[in-house]
Amino acid sequence: MSLIDFERLERMHDLICRRATGTPDTFSEKLGISKSMLMVNLAQLKERGGPIRYDLLSQTYYYTRPCRLVFGYEIDKDVMGQVKGGENIFEKRLIPISLEWGFAGL
């Protein structure tokens, strides 16, 4: 998953928290993606524990309980000794990085 994908998920989370998504068509327009990509991203959020529902009356997505979206990473400690100061280890992929994300309660 790319940085752009993570930024989109954060934007989606923000809009869902504020109940400001609008209809699926409006939501996808706000994100600058297709409706089918929106559905893929919503499925990803749900697979990671996002308690997402759609309110037909208000025409918006919302969370059924308070939650926060959490991103993290794990760096292989055996390879850390090979990193030289001043290099951007994330951008240049100098070491294996495991990115994890999901939802946590408030």
N, C-alpha and C. Protein backbone atom coordinates (compact mmCIF):
# COMPACT_ATOMS: atom_id res chain seq x y z
N MET A 1 0.85 -1.17 0.00
CA MET A 1 0.00 0.00 0.00
C MET A 1 0.90 1.23 0.00
N SER A 2 0.57 2.20 -0.83
CA SER A 2 1.41 3.38 -0.97
C SER A 2 1.00 4.46 0.03
N LEU A 3 1.85 5.47 0.14
CA LEU A 3 1.58 6.59 1.02
C LEU A 3 0.29 7.30 0.61
N ILE A 4 0.04 7.39 -0.68
CA ILE A 4 -1.19 8.02 -1.18
C ILE A 4 -2.41 7.24 -0.69
N ASP A 5 -2.32 5.92 -0.70
CA ASP A 5 -3.42 5.09 -0.21
C ASP A 5 -3.69 5.35 1.27
N PHE A 6 -2.62 5.46 2.07
CA PHE A 6 -2.79 5.73 3.50
C PHE A 6 -3.40 7.11 3.71
N GLU A 7 -2.97 8.09 2.92
CA GLU A 7 -3.53 9.43 3.03
C GLU A 7 -5.02 9.43 2.68
N ARG A 8 -5.40 8.66 1.67
CA ARG A 8 -6.81 8.55 1.30
C ARG A 8 -7.61 7.92 2.44
N LEU A 9 -7.08 6.86 3.05
CA LEU A 9 -7.78 6.21 4.16
C LEU A 9 -7.95 7.17 5.33
N GLU A 10 -6.94 7.99 5.59
CA GLU A 10 -7.06 8.99 6.66
C GLU A 10 -8.13 10.02 6.33
N ARG A 11 -8.18 10.44 5.08
CA ARG A 11 -9.20 11.41 4.64
C ARG A 11 -10.60 10.78 4.76
N MET A 12 -10.72 9.53 4.34
CA MET A 12 -12.00 8.83 4.47
C MET A 12 -12.43 8.76 5.93
N HIS A 13 -11.50 8.40 6.79
CA HIS A 13 -11.77 8.29 8.22
C HIS A 13 -12.26 9.62 8.77
N ASP A 14 -11.60 10.69 8.39
CA ASP A 14 -11.99 12.02 8.87
C ASP A 14 -13.42 12.37 8.43
N LEU A 15 -13.73 12.14 7.17
CA LEU A 15 -15.07 12.44 6.66
C LEU A 15 -16.14 11.57 7.33
N ILE A 16 -15.81 10.30 7.55
CA ILE A 16 -16.76 9.40 8.21
C ILE A 16 -16.98 9.85 9.66
N CYS A 17 -15.92 10.21 10.36
CA CYS A 17 -16.05 10.69 11.75
C CYS A 17 -16.95 11.92 11.84
N ARG A 18 -16.84 12.79 10.86
CA ARG A 18 -17.63 14.02 10.87
C ARG A 18 -19.00 13.86 10.22
N ARG A 19 -19.30 12.63 9.78
CA ARG A 19 -20.55 12.36 9.06
C ARG A 19 -20.73 13.34 7.91
N ALA A 20 -19.64 13.50 7.15
CA ALA A 20 -19.62 14.48 6.06
C ALA A 20 -19.29 13.82 4.72
N THR A 21 -19.64 12.55 4.57
CA THR A 21 -19.29 11.84 3.33
C THR A 21 -20.26 12.12 2.21
N GLY A 22 -21.53 12.26 2.54
CA GLY A 22 -22.55 12.35 1.51
C GLY A 22 -22.81 10.97 0.93
N THR A 23 -23.47 10.94 -0.20
CA THR A 23 -23.78 9.68 -0.88
C THR A 23 -22.49 9.04 -1.38
N PRO A 24 -22.52 7.77 -1.78
CA PRO A 24 -21.32 7.16 -2.35
C PRO A 24 -20.75 7.95 -3.54
N ASP A 25 -21.62 8.47 -4.39
CA ASP A 25 -21.14 9.28 -5.52
C ASP A 25 -20.43 10.54 -5.04
N THR A 26 -21.03 11.23 -4.08
CA THR A 26 -20.43 12.45 -3.53
C THR A 26 -19.12 12.13 -2.81
N PHE A 27 -19.14 11.05 -2.04
CA PHE A 27 -17.95 10.63 -1.28
C PHE A 27 -16.79 10.35 -2.23
N SER A 28 -17.04 9.62 -3.29
CA SER A 28 -15.97 9.30 -4.25
C SER A 28 -15.46 10.57 -4.94
N GLU A 29 -16.36 11.52 -5.22
CA GLU A 29 -15.94 12.79 -5.81
C GLU A 29 -15.06 13.58 -4.86
N LYS A 30 -15.41 13.61 -3.57
CA LYS A 30 -14.61 14.32 -2.58
C LYS A 30 -13.19 13.76 -2.50
N LEU A 31 -13.07 12.46 -2.72
CA LEU A 31 -11.76 11.79 -2.64
C LEU A 31 -11.02 11.78 -3.98
N GLY A 32 -11.73 12.11 -5.04
CA GLY A 32 -11.10 12.10 -6.37
C GLY A 32 -10.83 10.70 -6.90
N ILE A 33 -11.73 9.77 -6.55
CA ILE A 33 -11.58 8.39 -6.99
C ILE A 33 -12.91 7.90 -7.57
N SER A 34 -12.87 6.76 -8.23
CA SER A 34 -14.10 6.18 -8.78
C SER A 34 -14.94 5.58 -7.65
N LYS A 35 -16.22 5.40 -7.95
CA LYS A 35 -17.11 4.80 -6.96
C LYS A 35 -16.68 3.37 -6.65
N SER A 36 -16.20 2.64 -7.65
CA SER A 36 -15.75 1.26 -7.40
C SER A 36 -14.51 1.24 -6.50
N MET A 37 -13.61 2.21 -6.67
CA MET A 37 -12.43 2.29 -5.78
C MET A 37 -12.87 2.66 -4.37
N LEU A 38 -13.87 3.51 -4.25
CA LEU A 38 -14.41 3.85 -2.94
C LEU A 38 -14.91 2.59 -2.24
N MET A 39 -15.64 1.75 -2.97
CA MET A 39 -16.17 0.53 -2.37
C MET A 39 -15.04 -0.41 -1.93
N VAL A 40 -13.98 -0.47 -2.71
CA VAL A 40 -12.81 -1.28 -2.33
C VAL A 40 -12.20 -0.73 -1.04
N ASN A 41 -12.03 0.59 -0.97
CA ASN A 41 -11.44 1.20 0.23
C ASN A 41 -12.35 1.04 1.45
N LEU A 42 -13.66 1.18 1.27
CA LEU A 42 -14.58 0.96 2.39
C LEU A 42 -14.50 -0.48 2.88
N ALA A 43 -14.38 -1.42 1.96
CA ALA A 43 -14.24 -2.83 2.33
C ALA A 43 -12.95 -3.05 3.12
N GLN A 44 -11.87 -2.38 2.71
CA GLN A 44 -10.60 -2.48 3.44
C GLN A 44 -10.76 -1.96 4.87
N LEU A 45 -11.42 -0.82 5.02
CA LEU A 45 -11.64 -0.27 6.35
C LEU A 45 -12.46 -1.22 7.21
N LYS A 46 -13.49 -1.81 6.63
CA LYS A 46 -14.33 -2.75 7.37
C LYS A 46 -13.56 -4.01 7.75
N GLU A 47 -12.71 -4.51 6.83
CA GLU A 47 -11.90 -5.70 7.11
C GLU A 47 -10.95 -5.48 8.27
N ARG A 48 -10.50 -4.24 8.46
CA ARG A 48 -9.57 -3.92 9.54
C ARG A 48 -10.28 -3.51 10.83
N GLY A 49 -11.59 -3.72 10.87
CA GLY A 49 -12.33 -3.47 12.11
C GLY A 49 -13.10 -2.17 12.14
N GLY A 50 -13.19 -1.45 11.05
CA GLY A 50 -13.94 -0.20 11.02
C GLY A 50 -15.43 -0.46 11.11
N PRO A 51 -16.09 0.04 12.17
CA PRO A 51 -17.52 -0.18 12.35
C PRO A 51 -18.35 0.80 11.50
N ILE A 52 -18.29 0.65 10.19
CA ILE A 52 -18.88 1.60 9.26
C ILE A 52 -20.27 1.16 8.83
N ARG A 53 -21.18 2.11 8.82
CA ARG A 53 -22.54 1.91 8.33
C ARG A 53 -22.92 3.10 7.46
N TYR A 54 -23.99 2.94 6.71
CA TYR A 54 -24.51 4.03 5.89
C TYR A 54 -25.89 4.40 6.38
N ASP A 55 -26.12 5.69 6.59
CA ASP A 55 -27.42 6.20 7.04
C ASP A 55 -28.18 6.71 5.82
N LEU A 56 -29.23 5.99 5.42
CA LEU A 56 -30.01 6.37 4.25
C LEU A 56 -30.69 7.73 4.42
N LEU A 57 -31.18 8.00 5.63
CA LEU A 57 -31.89 9.25 5.88
C LEU A 57 -30.94 10.45 5.77
N SER A 58 -29.79 10.36 6.42
CA SER A 58 -28.81 11.46 6.38
C SER A 58 -27.92 11.40 5.15
N GLN A 59 -27.95 10.31 4.44
CA GLN A 59 -27.11 10.08 3.26
C GLN A 59 -25.63 10.32 3.56
N THR A 60 -25.14 9.57 4.55
CA THR A 60 -23.73 9.67 4.92
C THR A 60 -23.28 8.37 5.58
N TYR A 61 -21.99 8.09 5.46
CA TYR A 61 -21.39 6.98 6.19
C TYR A 61 -21.06 7.48 7.59
N TYR A 62 -21.06 6.56 8.56
CA TYR A 62 -20.75 6.91 9.94
C TYR A 62 -20.18 5.69 10.64
N TYR A 63 -19.56 5.91 11.80
CA TYR A 63 -19.08 4.82 12.64
C TYR A 63 -20.14 4.53 13.70
N THR A 64 -20.35 3.25 13.98
CA THR A 64 -21.34 2.86 14.98
C THR A 64 -20.83 3.02 16.40
N ARG A 65 -19.55 3.23 16.55
CA ARG A 65 -18.95 3.49 17.86
C ARG A 65 -17.71 4.35 17.65
N PRO A 66 -17.30 5.10 18.67
CA PRO A 66 -16.10 5.92 18.54
C PRO A 66 -14.86 5.04 18.29
N CYS A 67 -14.03 5.47 17.36
CA CYS A 67 -12.81 4.72 17.07
C CYS A 67 -11.79 5.66 16.43
N ARG A 68 -10.57 5.17 16.35
CA ARG A 68 -9.53 5.93 15.66
C ARG A 68 -8.77 5.00 14.74
N LEU A 69 -8.28 5.56 13.66
CA LEU A 69 -7.52 4.82 12.68
C LEU A 69 -6.06 4.92 13.07
N VAL A 70 -5.39 3.77 13.18
CA VAL A 70 -4.01 3.73 13.67
C VAL A 70 -3.10 3.12 12.61
N PHE A 71 -1.99 3.81 12.34
CA PHE A 71 -0.97 3.30 11.42
C PHE A 71 0.31 3.07 12.20
N GLY A 72 1.04 2.03 11.85
CA GLY A 72 2.30 1.75 12.51
C GLY A 72 3.23 0.99 11.59
N TYR A 73 4.45 0.83 12.01
CA TYR A 73 5.42 0.09 11.22
C TYR A 73 6.38 -0.66 12.14
N GLU A 74 6.97 -1.66 11.59
CA GLU A 74 7.96 -2.44 12.33
C GLU A 74 9.19 -2.57 11.45
N ILE A 75 10.35 -2.30 12.03
CA ILE A 75 11.61 -2.36 11.30
C ILE A 75 12.40 -3.57 11.76
N ASP A 76 12.96 -4.30 10.81
CA ASP A 76 13.78 -5.48 11.11
C ASP A 76 15.02 -5.03 11.88
N LYS A 77 15.11 -5.41 13.15
CA LYS A 77 16.20 -4.95 14.02
C LYS A 77 17.56 -5.49 13.60
N ASP A 78 17.59 -6.65 12.92
CA ASP A 78 18.86 -7.21 12.47
C ASP A 78 19.51 -6.35 11.39
N VAL A 79 18.71 -5.61 10.66
CA VAL A 79 19.22 -4.81 9.55
C VAL A 79 19.48 -3.37 9.99
N MET A 80 18.94 -2.95 11.13
CA MET A 80 19.08 -1.56 11.57
C MET A 80 20.55 -1.12 11.70
N GLY A 81 21.42 -2.01 12.07
CA GLY A 81 22.83 -1.66 12.21
C GLY A 81 23.49 -1.27 10.90
N GLN A 82 22.88 -1.60 9.79
CA GLN A 82 23.44 -1.28 8.48
C GLN A 82 23.06 0.12 8.01
N VAL A 83 22.16 0.79 8.71
CA VAL A 83 21.71 2.11 8.29
C VAL A 83 22.75 3.15 8.66
N LYS A 84 23.10 3.98 7.69
CA LYS A 84 24.05 5.07 7.91
C LYS A 84 23.28 6.34 8.21
N GLY A 85 23.78 7.15 9.12
CA GLY A 85 23.11 8.40 9.48
C GLY A 85 22.89 9.31 8.29
N GLY A 86 21.75 10.00 8.28
CA GLY A 86 21.45 10.96 7.24
C GLY A 86 20.66 10.40 6.07
N GLU A 87 20.54 9.08 5.98
CA GLU A 87 19.79 8.50 4.87
C GLU A 87 18.34 8.31 5.28
N ASN A 88 17.45 8.53 4.34
CA ASN A 88 16.04 8.33 4.60
C ASN A 88 15.71 6.85 4.36
N ILE A 89 15.64 6.09 5.42
CA ILE A 89 15.46 4.64 5.30
C ILE A 89 14.09 4.27 4.75
N PHE A 90 13.09 5.13 4.95
CA PHE A 90 11.76 4.81 4.46
C PHE A 90 11.63 5.08 2.97
N GLU A 91 12.15 6.22 2.55
CA GLU A 91 12.02 6.60 1.15
C GLU A 91 12.83 5.70 0.23
N LYS A 92 14.04 5.34 0.64
CA LYS A 92 14.92 4.54 -0.21
C LYS A 92 14.76 3.05 -0.01
N ARG A 93 13.89 2.66 0.92
CA ARG A 93 13.66 1.23 1.20
C ARG A 93 14.97 0.50 1.50
N LEU A 94 15.78 1.11 2.35
CA LEU A 94 17.06 0.50 2.70
C LEU A 94 16.90 -0.71 3.60
N ILE A 95 15.82 -0.75 4.33
CA ILE A 95 15.60 -1.89 5.21
C ILE A 95 14.15 -2.37 5.07
N PRO A 96 13.91 -3.64 5.34
CA PRO A 96 12.54 -4.15 5.26
C PRO A 96 11.66 -3.49 6.32
N ILE A 97 10.51 -3.01 5.90
CA ILE A 97 9.57 -2.36 6.81
C ILE A 97 8.22 -3.06 6.67
N SER A 98 7.63 -3.37 7.79
CA SER A 98 6.31 -3.97 7.80
C SER A 98 5.31 -2.91 8.25
N LEU A 99 4.41 -2.49 7.35
CA LEU A 99 3.40 -1.49 7.69
C LEU A 99 2.13 -2.19 8.14
N GLU A 100 1.61 -1.74 9.25
CA GLU A 100 0.37 -2.30 9.79
C GLU A 100 -0.60 -1.16 10.07
N TRP A 101 -1.88 -1.45 9.95
CA TRP A 101 -2.88 -0.44 10.28
C TRP A 101 -4.18 -1.14 10.66
N GLY A 102 -5.01 -0.38 11.36
CA GLY A 102 -6.29 -0.90 11.80
C GLY A 102 -7.00 0.11 12.67
N PHE A 103 -7.99 -0.32 13.41
CA PHE A 103 -8.78 0.56 14.24
C PHE A 103 -8.57 0.25 15.71
N ALA A 104 -8.65 1.29 16.52
CA ALA A 104 -8.57 1.15 17.97
C ALA A 104 -9.73 1.93 18.56
N GLY A 105 -10.23 1.48 19.68
CA GLY A 105 -11.31 2.19 20.36
C GLY A 105 -10.79 3.44 21.04
N LEU A 106 -11.69 4.33 21.36
CA LEU A 106 -11.31 5.56 22.06
C LEU A 106 -11.38 5.38 23.55
